Amino acid sequence: MADSTPLLSQPNSAESQSTTPPLEKHRPSLDSTIERCIGVFGWAQFFQTLLVSLAWLFDAQQTFISVFTDAYPTWHCTTYQHGCDSVSSICYLPKNSWAWDWPSYTSIISEWKLECSSSIITGLPASSFFMGCLVGGFVLATLADSSLGRKNMIFLSCLTMSLSSLLTVFSTNIWVYSALRLVCGFGRATIGTSALVLTAELVGKRWRGQVGVIGFFCFTIGFLSLPAIAYLNRGSSWRSLYLWTSIPGIFYSMLVHFFVRESPRWLFVRGRKEEAVATLKSIATPSRSSCLTWSFSEVSFQEERCNNGNIFSTIKMLVQKRWAFRRLLPVLVIGFGSGMVYYGMPLGLGNLSFNLYLSVTLMP
């Protein structure tokens, strides 16, 4: 009787899986290992997240500073001849029949005699700033994940933004002023995302939502500080407002460079284990410091380095997949509409007849 057993039998999948070495099956992941070390929120982590989140404060100031520096100043009639009244257009009045309520150097409109220029010219600095944000968002998007890291990205972004803002005080015309605003917008393009990611990677999963709120709180403080600074300098040159906001930003950039820790996760992914362990030791609580006594050589982070792809290839994949593109398109439309309202309303307050300082304060 012939044997019915096949000559070539298929291997049992269960048996093949059981032959997997236990070390490969139970190798800890990078995220779980870091979570064991910094899962408990301590004062060192609070200091780090607060220091990083302060970048949002200077970001908000430079974003909305043109509300005051580029505002159309008020004026009054010096003589009521030639039909001069409060509703007249000064472009059709003789020069000797009206005067500014404040010195001409309090606004770029009055200093550079732009009162009769088109809205395209007077709005060029603000448009240049947001154009710089758009270009910087594309050009600098991958640097925080690749070569620079989160900390250096925040440092260079804040420094570029603050230095260009400081150089703005030397502007001699609207064109130089707009060019420097373009550089300022380019520099601040990645501040918000880099700060948000870094604060989230310096704490455990339980606290990521809370530390994320700190950044938005600092952004609100920066927005509200602008009308206070502008009101205190309402009789001074518009350049003084840039000085009051740029010089503290430069000092803050130095603090980031010397005191802020890099993301331990990014350091591990880039293969810089010693620096990552040193960072974890500096921010971990004493109760969790014992997890740093064993070697990190068995942590499976090699696949993280391979999966750290280019953002442009990721966007290409999203566009090519129809289901992803159908979800991405509504998000882009909603974000575009929200941005127009969120930034458009404060930037348009100068066109209203209300008190500018009070209007900006009540806007949030």
Foldseek 3Di string as FASTA:
>chain_A
DDDPDDPDDDDDPVVVVVPPDPLVVPQAAPQVLLCLFFADADPLLVVQLLLLLLLLLLVLCLLQLCLFQLFDFAKAFPDCPPPDDRPDQCVPPDPNGMDTPADQQRHQCSVQVVSPPDPCLSCLQNVLLVVLLVVLCVPVVLCCLPPQHLLSLLLQLLQQLLVLLLCLLVDDHSVSNSVSSNSNSSSNNCSLVSSLVFSLLSHHPVCSVVSSVSNVVSNLVSLLVSLVVCVVQVNDGSSVSSVVSRVVSNVSSVCSVPPHQTRLLSCVLVVNNVSSLVSSCSRGDPVSNVSSPDDPPSHPNPVVNVPSDDVVVVVVVQVVDPVSVVVVVVVVVVVVVVVCVVSVVLSCLSVDPDDNSVCSNPVD
